């Protein structure tokens, strides 16, 4: 990650992006599975995912790299097209 326009990312955000980029297909992965892979709880993951989504935090819209969806009781996280392009360019995924 050597572009000076690249936003500063913490290690957890990078790990999340890498896990989602490695997930098969476009479906992403469930939050419990992502948490198990990264050793983090759902609330920690949701904070990081929100910051990388389109959510407005502090009046600033996020980059839109991930989307989080809920179907019934199941939460799922996946890369958007923008997120996949970001990962390919900066994370080699």
PDB file of N, CA and C in Angstrom:
ATOM      1  N   UNK A   1       0.847  -1.168   0.000  1.00  0.00           N
ATOM      2  CA  UNK A   1       0.000   0.000   0.000  1.00  0.00           C
ATOM      3  C   UNK A   1       0.892   1.230   0.000  1.00  0.00           C
ATOM      4  N   UNK A   2       1.201   1.738  -1.178  1.00  0.00           N
ATOM      5  CA  UNK A   2       2.184   2.789  -1.256  1.00  0.00           C
ATOM      6  C   UNK A   2       1.660   4.080  -1.866  1.00  0.00           C
ATOM      7  N   UNK A   3       0.392   4.174  -2.196  1.00  0.00           N
ATOM      8  CA  UNK A   3      -0.165   5.370  -2.790  1.00  0.00           C
ATOM      9  C   UNK A   3      -0.384   6.415  -1.703  1.00  0.00           C
ATOM     10  N   UNK A   4       0.067   7.627  -1.944  1.00  0.00           N
ATOM     11  CA  UNK A   4      -0.095   8.653  -0.921  1.00  0.00           C
ATOM     12  C   UNK A   4      -1.549   9.076  -0.747  1.00  0.00           C
ATOM     13  N   UNK A   5      -2.436   8.763  -1.694  1.00  0.00           N
ATOM     14  CA  UNK A   5      -3.861   9.053  -1.568  1.00  0.00           C
ATOM     15  C   UNK A   5      -4.623   7.956  -0.836  1.00  0.00           C
ATOM     16  N   UNK A   6      -3.934   6.901  -0.482  1.00  0.00           N
ATOM     17  CA  UNK A   6      -4.558   5.779   0.208  1.00  0.00           C
ATOM     18  C   UNK A   6      -4.943   6.181   1.624  1.00  0.00           C
ATOM     19  N   UNK A   7      -6.197   5.932   2.018  1.00  0.00           N
ATOM     20  CA  UNK A   7      -6.580   6.242   3.395  1.00  0.00           C
ATOM     21  C   UNK A   7      -5.826   5.349   4.378  1.00  0.00           C
ATOM     22  N   UNK A   8      -5.565   5.883   5.548  1.00  0.00           N
ATOM     23  CA  UNK A   8      -4.890   5.100   6.579  1.00  0.00           C
ATOM     24  C   UNK A   8      -5.833   3.997   7.049  1.00  0.00           C
ATOM     25  N   UNK A   9      -5.345   2.765   7.047  1.00  0.00           N
ATOM     26  CA  UNK A   9      -6.137   1.627   7.481  1.00  0.00           C
ATOM     27  C   UNK A   9      -5.436   0.939   8.639  1.00  0.00           C
ATOM     28  N   UNK A  10      -6.221   0.543   9.632  1.00  0.00           N
ATOM     29  CA  UNK A  10      -5.646  -0.213  10.738  1.00  0.00           C
ATOM     30  C   UNK A  10      -5.526  -1.682  10.340  1.00  0.00           C
ATOM     31  N   UNK A  11      -4.826  -2.438  11.154  1.00  0.00           N
ATOM     32  CA  UNK A  11      -4.576  -3.849  10.838  1.00  0.00           C
ATOM     33  C   UNK A  11      -5.867  -4.654  10.726  1.00  0.00           C
ATOM     34  N   UNK A  12      -6.851  -4.368  11.573  1.00  0.00           N
ATOM     35  CA  UNK A  12      -8.109  -5.111  11.518  1.00  0.00           C
ATOM     36  C   UNK A  12      -8.835  -4.838  10.199  1.00  0.00           C
ATOM     37  N   UNK A  13      -8.881  -3.598   9.761  1.00  0.00           N
ATOM     38  CA  UNK A  13      -9.541  -3.267   8.499  1.00  0.00           C
ATOM     39  C   UNK A  13      -8.881  -3.986   7.330  1.00  0.00           C
ATOM     40  N   UNK A  14      -7.573  -4.015   7.329  1.00  0.00           N
ATOM     41  CA  UNK A  14      -6.840  -4.715   6.267  1.00  0.00           C
ATOM     42  C   UNK A  14      -7.158  -6.208   6.316  1.00  0.00           C
ATOM     43  N   UNK A  15      -7.172  -6.774   7.522  1.00  0.00           N
ATOM     44  CA  UNK A  15      -7.474  -8.205   7.675  1.00  0.00           C
ATOM     45  C   UNK A  15      -8.899  -8.514   7.205  1.00  0.00           C
ATOM     46  N   UNK A  16      -9.851  -7.646   7.522  1.00  0.00           N
ATOM     47  CA  UNK A  16     -11.235  -7.839   7.073  1.00  0.00           C
ATOM     48  C   UNK A  16     -11.299  -7.818   5.558  1.00  0.00           C
ATOM     49  N   UNK A  17     -10.691  -6.818   4.950  1.00  0.00           N
ATOM     50  CA  UNK A  17     -10.703  -6.711   3.489  1.00  0.00           C
ATOM     51  C   UNK A  17     -10.079  -7.943   2.843  1.00  0.00           C
ATOM     52  N   UNK A  18      -8.977  -8.412   3.398  1.00  0.00           N
ATOM     53  CA  UNK A  18      -8.321  -9.613   2.836  1.00  0.00           C
ATOM     54  C   UNK A  18      -9.208 -10.847   2.954  1.00  0.00           C
ATOM     55  N   UNK A  19      -9.861 -11.013   4.092  1.00  0.00           N
ATOM     56  CA  UNK A  19     -10.755 -12.165   4.282  1.00  0.00           C
ATOM     57  C   UNK A  19     -11.918 -12.111   3.296  1.00  0.00           C
ATOM     58  N   UNK A  20     -12.512 -10.932   3.148  1.00  0.00           N
ATOM     59  CA  UNK A  20     -13.644 -10.812   2.236  1.00  0.00           C
ATOM     60  C   UNK A  20     -13.217 -10.998   0.785  1.00  0.00           C
ATOM     61  N   UNK A  21     -12.008 -10.542   0.445  1.00  0.00           N
ATOM     62  CA  UNK A  21     -11.501 -10.728  -0.917  1.00  0.00           C
ATOM     63  C   UNK A  21     -11.245 -12.201  -1.213  1.00  0.00           C
ATOM     64  N   UNK A  22     -10.880 -12.960  -0.191  1.00  0.00           N
ATOM     65  CA  UNK A  22     -10.588 -14.385  -0.368  1.00  0.00           C
ATOM     66  C   UNK A  22     -11.856 -15.249  -0.356  1.00  0.00           C
ATOM     67  N   UNK A  23     -12.976 -14.673   0.075  1.00  0.00           N
ATOM     68  CA  UNK A  23     -14.234 -15.437   0.131  1.00  0.00           C
ATOM     69  C   UNK A  23     -14.658 -15.813  -1.290  1.00  0.00           C
ATOM     70  N   UNK A  24     -15.179 -17.024  -1.461  1.00  0.00           N
ATOM     71  CA  UNK A  24     -15.597 -17.446  -2.803  1.00  0.00           C
ATOM     72  C   UNK A  24     -16.802 -16.650  -3.302  1.00  0.00           C
ATOM     73  N   UNK A  25     -16.798 -16.347  -4.573  1.00  0.00           N
ATOM     74  CA  UNK A  25     -17.925 -15.657  -5.196  1.00  0.00           C
ATOM     75  C   UNK A  25     -18.122 -14.245  -4.685  1.00  0.00           C
ATOM     76  N   UNK A  26     -19.315 -13.735  -4.884  1.00  0.00           N
ATOM     77  CA  UNK A  26     -19.651 -12.363  -4.491  1.00  0.00           C
ATOM     78  C   UNK A  26     -20.398 -12.307  -3.161  1.00  0.00           C
ATOM     79  N   UNK A  27     -20.713 -13.460  -2.591  1.00  0.00           N
ATOM     80  CA  UNK A  27     -21.574 -13.514  -1.406  1.00  0.00           C
ATOM     81  C   UNK A  27     -20.898 -13.042  -0.127  1.00  0.00           C
ATOM     82  N   UNK A  28     -19.582 -13.025  -0.082  1.00  0.00           N
ATOM     83  CA  UNK A  28     -18.893 -12.638   1.140  1.00  0.00           C
ATOM     84  C   UNK A  28     -18.929 -13.749   2.164  1.00  0.00           C
ATOM     85  N   UNK A  29     -19.065 -13.369   3.441  1.00  0.00           N
ATOM     86  CA  UNK A  29     -19.133 -14.379   4.498  1.00  0.00           C
ATOM     87  C   UNK A  29     -19.946 -13.865   5.668  1.00  0.00           C
ATOM     88  N   UNK A  30     -20.426 -14.811   6.458  1.00  0.00           N
ATOM     89  CA  UNK A  30     -21.225 -14.446   7.620  1.00  0.00           C
ATOM     90  C   UNK A  30     -20.334 -13.776   8.663  1.00  0.00           C
ATOM     91  N   UNK A  31     -20.937 -12.899   9.470  1.00  0.00           N
ATOM     92  CA  UNK A  31     -20.166 -12.239  10.526  1.00  0.00           C
ATOM     93  C   UNK A  31     -19.595 -13.227  11.533  1.00  0.00           C
ATOM     94  N   UNK A  32     -20.346 -14.267  11.946  1.00  0.00           N
ATOM     95  CA  UNK A  32     -19.731 -15.234  12.867  1.00  0.00           C
ATOM     96  C   UNK A  32     -18.483 -15.901  12.278  1.00  0.00           C
ATOM     97  N   UNK A  33     -18.540 -16.256  11.001  1.00  0.00           N
ATOM     98  CA  UNK A  33     -17.379 -16.883  10.378  1.00  0.00           C
ATOM     99  C   UNK A  33     -16.211 -15.896  10.272  1.00  0.00           C
ATOM    100  N   UNK A  34     -16.497 -14.663   9.865  1.00  0.00           N
ATOM    101  CA  UNK A  34     -15.456 -13.638   9.774  1.00  0.00           C
ATOM    102  C   UNK A  34     -14.829 -13.405  11.140  1.00  0.00           C
ATOM    103  N   UNK A  35     -15.672 -13.319  12.173  1.00  0.00           N
ATOM    104  CA  UNK A  35     -15.164 -13.127  13.531  1.00  0.00           C
ATOM    105  C   UNK A  35     -14.295 -14.275  13.987  1.00  0.00           C
ATOM    106  N   UNK A  36     -14.680 -15.489  13.624  1.00  0.00           N
ATOM    107  CA  UNK A  36     -13.891 -16.667  14.005  1.00  0.00           C
ATOM    108  C   UNK A  36     -12.533 -16.646  13.307  1.00  0.00           C
ATOM    109  N   UNK A  37     -12.526 -16.294  12.030  1.00  0.00           N
ATOM    110  CA  UNK A  37     -11.263 -16.236  11.285  1.00  0.00           C
ATOM    111  C   UNK A  37     -10.315 -15.177  11.850  1.00  0.00           C
ATOM    112  N   UNK A  38     -10.881 -14.075  12.341  1.00  0.00           N
ATOM    113  CA  UNK A  38     -10.055 -12.956  12.798  1.00  0.00           C
ATOM    114  C   UNK A  38      -9.921 -12.867  14.317  1.00  0.00           C
ATOM    115  N   UNK A  39     -10.646 -13.730  15.037  1.00  0.00           N
ATOM    116  CA  UNK A  39     -10.570 -13.700  16.497  1.00  0.00           C
ATOM    117  C   UNK A  39     -11.191 -12.450  17.102  1.00  0.00           C
ATOM    118  N   UNK A  40     -12.269 -11.941  16.475  1.00  0.00           N
ATOM    119  CA  UNK A  40     -12.916 -10.717  16.942  1.00  0.00           C
ATOM    120  C   UNK A  40     -14.413 -10.954  17.129  1.00  0.00           C
ATOM    121  N   UNK A  41     -15.014 -10.178  18.007  1.00  0.00           N
ATOM    122  CA  UNK A  41     -16.450 -10.246  18.230  1.00  0.00           C
ATOM    123  C   UNK A  41     -17.212  -9.444  17.183  1.00  0.00           C
ATOM    124  N   UNK A  42     -18.502  -9.701  17.113  1.00  0.00           N
ATOM    125  CA  UNK A  42     -19.350  -9.055  16.111  1.00  0.00           C
ATOM    126  C   UNK A  42     -19.371  -7.533  16.255  1.00  0.00           C
ATOM    127  N   UNK A  43     -19.399  -7.016  17.477  1.00  0.00           N
ATOM    128  CA  UNK A  43     -19.470  -5.562  17.652  1.00  0.00           C
ATOM    129  C   UNK A  43     -18.208  -4.875  17.144  1.00  0.00           C
ATOM    130  N   UNK A  44     -17.056  -5.494  17.348  1.00  0.00           N
ATOM    131  CA  UNK A  44     -15.791  -4.939  16.843  1.00  0.00           C
ATOM    132  C   UNK A  44     -15.806  -4.943  15.318  1.00  0.00           C
ATOM    133  N   UNK A  45     -16.244  -6.059  14.745  1.00  0.00           N
ATOM    134  CA  UNK A  45     -16.317  -6.162  13.291  1.00  0.00           C
ATOM    135  C   UNK A  45     -17.285  -5.143  12.714  1.00  0.00           C
ATOM    136  N   UNK A  46     -18.448  -4.984  13.334  1.00  0.00           N
ATOM    137  CA  UNK A  46     -19.453  -4.054  12.818  1.00  0.00           C
ATOM    138  C   UNK A  46     -18.936  -2.619  12.803  1.00  0.00           C
ATOM    139  N   UNK A  47     -18.170  -2.221  13.796  1.00  0.00           N
ATOM    140  CA  UNK A  47     -17.597  -0.866  13.802  1.00  0.00           C
ATOM    141  C   UNK A  47     -16.658  -0.674  12.615  1.00  0.00           C
ATOM    142  N   UNK A  48     -15.797  -1.646  12.380  1.00  0.00           N
ATOM    143  CA  UNK A  48     -14.858  -1.552  11.253  1.00  0.00           C
ATOM    144  C   UNK A  48     -15.594  -1.612   9.921  1.00  0.00           C
ATOM    145  N   UNK A  49     -16.559  -2.513   9.821  1.00  0.00           N
ATOM    146  CA  UNK A  49     -17.327  -2.644   8.582  1.00  0.00           C
ATOM    147  C   UNK A  49     -18.110  -1.374   8.282  1.00  0.00           C
ATOM    148  N   UNK A  50     -18.692  -0.756   9.306  1.00  0.00           N
ATOM    149  CA  UNK A  50     -19.446   0.480   9.101  1.00  0.00           C
ATOM    150  C   UNK A  50     -18.534   1.576   8.546  1.00  0.00           C
ATOM    151  N   UNK A  51     -17.321   1.655   9.063  1.00  0.00           N
ATOM    152  CA  UNK A  51     -16.380   2.677   8.595  1.00  0.00           C
ATOM    153  C   UNK A  51     -15.949   2.444   7.147  1.00  0.00           C
ATOM    154  N   UNK A  52     -16.039   1.190   6.674  1.00  0.00           N
ATOM    155  CA  UNK A  52     -15.633   0.884   5.301  1.00  0.00           C
ATOM    156  C   UNK A  52     -16.825   0.786   4.348  1.00  0.00           C
ATOM    157  N   UNK A  53     -18.030   1.048   4.864  1.00  0.00           N
ATOM    158  CA  UNK A  53     -19.235   0.985   4.030  1.00  0.00           C
ATOM    159  C   UNK A  53     -19.560   2.390   3.515  1.00  0.00           C
ATOM    160  N   UNK A  54     -20.791   2.582   3.062  1.00  0.00           N
ATOM    161  CA  UNK A  54     -21.247   3.906   2.637  1.00  0.00           C
ATOM    162  C   UNK A  54     -21.804   4.724   3.799  1.00  0.00           C
ATOM    163  N   UNK A  55     -21.769   4.189   5.009  1.00  0.00           N
ATOM    164  CA  UNK A  55     -22.347   4.870   6.171  1.00  0.00           C
ATOM    165  C   UNK A  55     -21.693   6.243   6.383  1.00  0.00           C
ATOM    166  N   UNK A  56     -22.502   7.184   6.821  1.00  0.00           N
ATOM    167  CA  UNK A  56     -21.983   8.508   7.169  1.00  0.00           C
ATOM    168  C   UNK A  56     -21.613   8.483   8.644  1.00  0.00           C
ATOM    169  N   UNK A  57     -20.353   8.743   8.923  1.00  0.00           N
ATOM    170  CA  UNK A  57     -19.860   8.776  10.297  1.00  0.00           C
ATOM    171  C   UNK A  57     -19.203  10.131  10.495  1.00  0.00           C
ATOM    172  N   UNK A  58     -19.697  10.882  11.458  1.00  0.00           N
ATOM    173  CA  UNK A  58     -19.168  12.218  11.683  1.00  0.00           C
ATOM    174  C   UNK A  58     -19.375  13.131  10.485  1.00  0.00           C
ATOM    175  N   UNK A  59     -20.454  12.901   9.735  1.00  0.00           N
ATOM    176  CA  UNK A  59     -20.757  13.734   8.580  1.00  0.00           C
ATOM    177  C   UNK A  59     -19.978  13.394   7.326  1.00  0.00           C
ATOM    178  N   UNK A  60     -19.158  12.348   7.395  1.00  0.00           N
ATOM    179  CA  UNK A  60     -18.336  11.948   6.246  1.00  0.00           C
ATOM    180  C   UNK A  60     -18.772  10.563   5.783  1.00  0.00           C
ATOM    181  N   UNK A  61     -19.103  10.459   4.496  1.00  0.00           N
ATOM    182  CA  UNK A  61     -19.503   9.160   3.957  1.00  0.00           C
ATOM    183  C   UNK A  61     -18.279   8.267   3.791  1.00  0.00           C
ATOM    184  N   UNK A  62     -18.451   6.987   4.123  1.00  0.00           N
ATOM    185  CA  UNK A  62     -17.369   6.017   3.996  1.00  0.00           C
ATOM    186  C   UNK A  62     -17.054   5.709   2.538  1.00  0.00           C
ATOM    187  N   UNK A  63     -15.997   4.948   2.300  1.00  0.00           N
ATOM    188  CA  UNK A  63     -15.539   4.675   0.942  1.00  0.00           C
ATOM    189  C   UNK A  63     -16.411   3.689   0.168  1.00  0.00           C
ATOM    190  N   UNK A  64     -17.301   2.975   0.833  1.00  0.00           N
ATOM    191  CA  UNK A  64     -18.193   2.048   0.141  1.00  0.00           C
ATOM    192  C   UNK A  64     -17.527   0.763  -0.321  1.00  0.00           C
ATOM    193  N   UNK A  65     -16.539   0.290   0.413  1.00  0.00           N
ATOM    194  CA  UNK A  65     -15.825  -0.929   0.044  1.00  0.00           C
ATOM    195  C   UNK A  65     -16.582  -2.191   0.423  1.00  0.00           C
ATOM    196  N   UNK A  66     -17.409  -2.112   1.465  1.00  0.00           N
ATOM    197  CA  UNK A  66     -18.129  -3.303   1.930  1.00  0.00           C
ATOM    198  C   UNK A  66     -19.611  -3.009   2.077  1.00  0.00           C
ATOM    199  N   UNK A  67     -20.405  -4.080   2.040  1.00  0.00           N
ATOM    200  CA  UNK A  67     -21.828  -3.970   2.359  1.00  0.00           C
ATOM    201  C   UNK A  67     -22.131  -5.039   3.405  1.00  0.00           C
ATOM    202  N   UNK A  68     -22.976  -4.670   4.330  1.00  0.00           N
ATOM    203  CA  UNK A  68     -23.409  -5.596   5.374  1.00  0.00           C
ATOM    204  C   UNK A  68     -24.909  -5.747   5.218  1.00  0.00           C
ATOM    205  N   UNK A  69     -25.351  -6.986   5.136  1.00  0.00           N
ATOM    206  CA  UNK A  69     -26.776  -7.262   4.975  1.00  0.00           C
ATOM    207  C   UNK A  69     -27.233  -8.219   6.058  1.00  0.00           C
ATOM    208  N   UNK A  70     -28.532  -8.180   6.327  1.00  0.00           N
ATOM    209  CA  UNK A  70     -29.126  -9.104   7.287  1.00  0.00           C
ATOM    210  C   UNK A  70     -30.328  -9.761   6.633  1.00  0.00           C
ATOM    211  N   UNK A  71     -30.343 -11.079   6.655  1.00  0.00           N
ATOM    212  CA  UNK A  71     -31.490 -11.855   6.199  1.00  0.00           C
ATOM    213  C   UNK A  71     -31.928 -12.691   7.392  1.00  0.00           C
ATOM    214  N   UNK A  72     -33.114 -12.372   7.888  1.00  0.00           N
ATOM    215  CA  UNK A  72     -33.625 -12.965   9.127  1.00  0.00           C
ATOM    216  C   UNK A  72     -32.622 -12.695  10.237  1.00  0.00           C
ATOM    217  N   UNK A  73     -32.032 -13.719  10.817  1.00  0.00           N
ATOM    218  CA  UNK A  73     -31.090 -13.525  11.927  1.00  0.00           C
ATOM    219  C   UNK A  73     -29.629 -13.534  11.483  1.00  0.00           C
ATOM    220  N   UNK A  74     -29.388 -13.723  10.209  1.00  0.00           N
ATOM    221  CA  UNK A  74     -28.019 -13.905   9.712  1.00  0.00           C
ATOM    222  C   UNK A  74     -27.454 -12.613   9.125  1.00  0.00           C
ATOM    223  N   UNK A  75     -26.317 -12.174   9.673  1.00  0.00           N
ATOM    224  CA  UNK A  75     -25.585 -11.010   9.162  1.00  0.00           C
ATOM    225  C   UNK A  75     -24.486 -11.496   8.233  1.00  0.00           C
ATOM    226  N   UNK A  76     -24.303 -10.785   7.134  1.00  0.00           N
ATOM    227  CA  UNK A  76     -23.312 -11.154   6.134  1.00  0.00           C
ATOM    228  C   UNK A  76     -22.557  -9.901   5.694  1.00  0.00           C
ATOM    229  N   UNK A  77     -21.260 -10.048   5.446  1.00  0.00           N
ATOM    230  CA  UNK A  77     -20.432  -8.947   4.941  1.00  0.00           C
ATOM    231  C   UNK A  77     -19.819  -9.372   3.616  1.00  0.00           C
ATOM    232  N   UNK A  78     -19.772  -8.441   2.667  1.00  0.00           N
ATOM    233  CA  UNK A  78     -19.206  -8.732   1.351  1.00  0.00           C
ATOM    234  C   UNK A  78     -18.562  -7.473   0.790  1.00  0.00           C
ATOM    235  N   UNK A  79     -17.621  -7.669  -0.111  1.00  0.00           N
ATOM    236  CA  UNK A  79     -17.025  -6.537  -0.816  1.00  0.00           C
ATOM    237  C   UNK A  79     -17.986  -6.030  -1.881  1.00  0.00           C
ATOM    238  N   UNK A  80     -17.972  -4.742  -2.094  1.00  0.00           N
ATOM    239  CA  UNK A  80     -18.673  -4.158  -3.230  1.00  0.00           C
ATOM    240  C   UNK A  80     -17.710  -4.200  -4.418  1.00  0.00           C
ATOM    241  N   UNK A  81     -18.156  -3.797  -5.579  1.00  0.00           N
ATOM    242  CA  UNK A  81     -17.257  -3.710  -6.729  1.00  0.00           C
ATOM    243  C   UNK A  81     -16.106  -2.755  -6.458  1.00  0.00           C
ATOM    244  N   UNK A  82     -16.407  -1.652  -5.791  1.00  0.00           N
ATOM    245  CA  UNK A  82     -15.370  -0.679  -5.422  1.00  0.00           C
ATOM    246  C   UNK A  82     -14.376  -1.304  -4.452  1.00  0.00           C
ATOM    247  N   UNK A  83     -14.879  -2.078  -3.509  1.00  0.00           N
ATOM    248  CA  UNK A  83     -14.009  -2.743  -2.536  1.00  0.00           C
ATOM    249  C   UNK A  83     -13.123  -3.785  -3.180  1.00  0.00           C
ATOM    250  N   UNK A  84     -13.689  -4.533  -4.114  1.00  0.00           N
ATOM    251  CA  UNK A  84     -12.893  -5.549  -4.818  1.00  0.00           C
ATOM    252  C   UNK A  84     -11.774  -4.878  -5.617  1.00  0.00           C
ATOM    253  N   UNK A  85     -12.089  -3.777  -6.302  1.00  0.00           N
ATOM    254  CA  UNK A  85     -11.072  -3.042  -7.068  1.00  0.00           C
ATOM    255  C   UNK A  85      -9.994  -2.489  -6.139  1.00  0.00           C
ATOM    256  N   UNK A  86     -10.405  -1.976  -4.964  1.00  0.00           N
ATOM    257  CA  UNK A  86      -9.449  -1.470  -3.990  1.00  0.00           C
ATOM    258  C   UNK A  86      -8.496  -2.580  -3.547  1.00  0.00           C
ATOM    259  N   UNK A  87      -9.066  -3.747  -3.218  1.00  0.00           N
ATOM    260  CA  UNK A  87      -8.250  -4.874  -2.761  1.00  0.00           C
ATOM    261  C   UNK A  87      -7.280  -5.339  -3.845  1.00  0.00           C
ATOM    262  N   UNK A  88      -7.733  -5.382  -5.070  1.00  0.00           N
ATOM    263  CA  UNK A  88      -6.854  -5.794  -6.167  1.00  0.00           C
ATOM    264  C   UNK A  88      -5.700  -4.809  -6.348  1.00  0.00           C
ATOM    265  N   UNK A  89      -6.019  -3.536  -6.229  1.00  0.00           N
ATOM    266  CA  UNK A  89      -4.975  -2.513  -6.443  1.00  0.00           C
ATOM    267  C   UNK A  89      -3.991  -2.407  -5.281  1.00  0.00           C
ATOM    268  N   UNK A  90      -4.509  -2.391  -4.047  1.00  0.00           N
ATOM    269  CA  UNK A  90      -3.658  -2.106  -2.904  1.00  0.00           C
ATOM    270  C   UNK A  90      -3.274  -3.307  -2.048  1.00  0.00           C
ATOM    271  N   UNK A  91      -4.064  -4.354  -2.083  1.00  0.00           N
ATOM    272  CA  UNK A  91      -3.788  -5.496  -1.209  1.00  0.00           C
ATOM    273  C   UNK A  91      -3.366  -6.741  -1.981  1.00  0.00           C
ATOM    274  N   UNK A  92      -3.283  -6.611  -3.292  1.00  0.00           N
ATOM    275  CA  UNK A  92      -2.862  -7.752  -4.103  1.00  0.00           C
ATOM    276  C   UNK A  92      -3.844  -8.891  -4.083  1.00  0.00           C
ATOM    277  N   UNK A  93      -5.142  -8.607  -3.911  1.00  0.00           N
ATOM    278  CA  UNK A  93      -6.177  -9.638  -3.854  1.00  0.00           C
ATOM    279  C   UNK A  93      -7.183  -9.381  -4.934  1.00  0.00           C
TER     280      UNK A  93
END
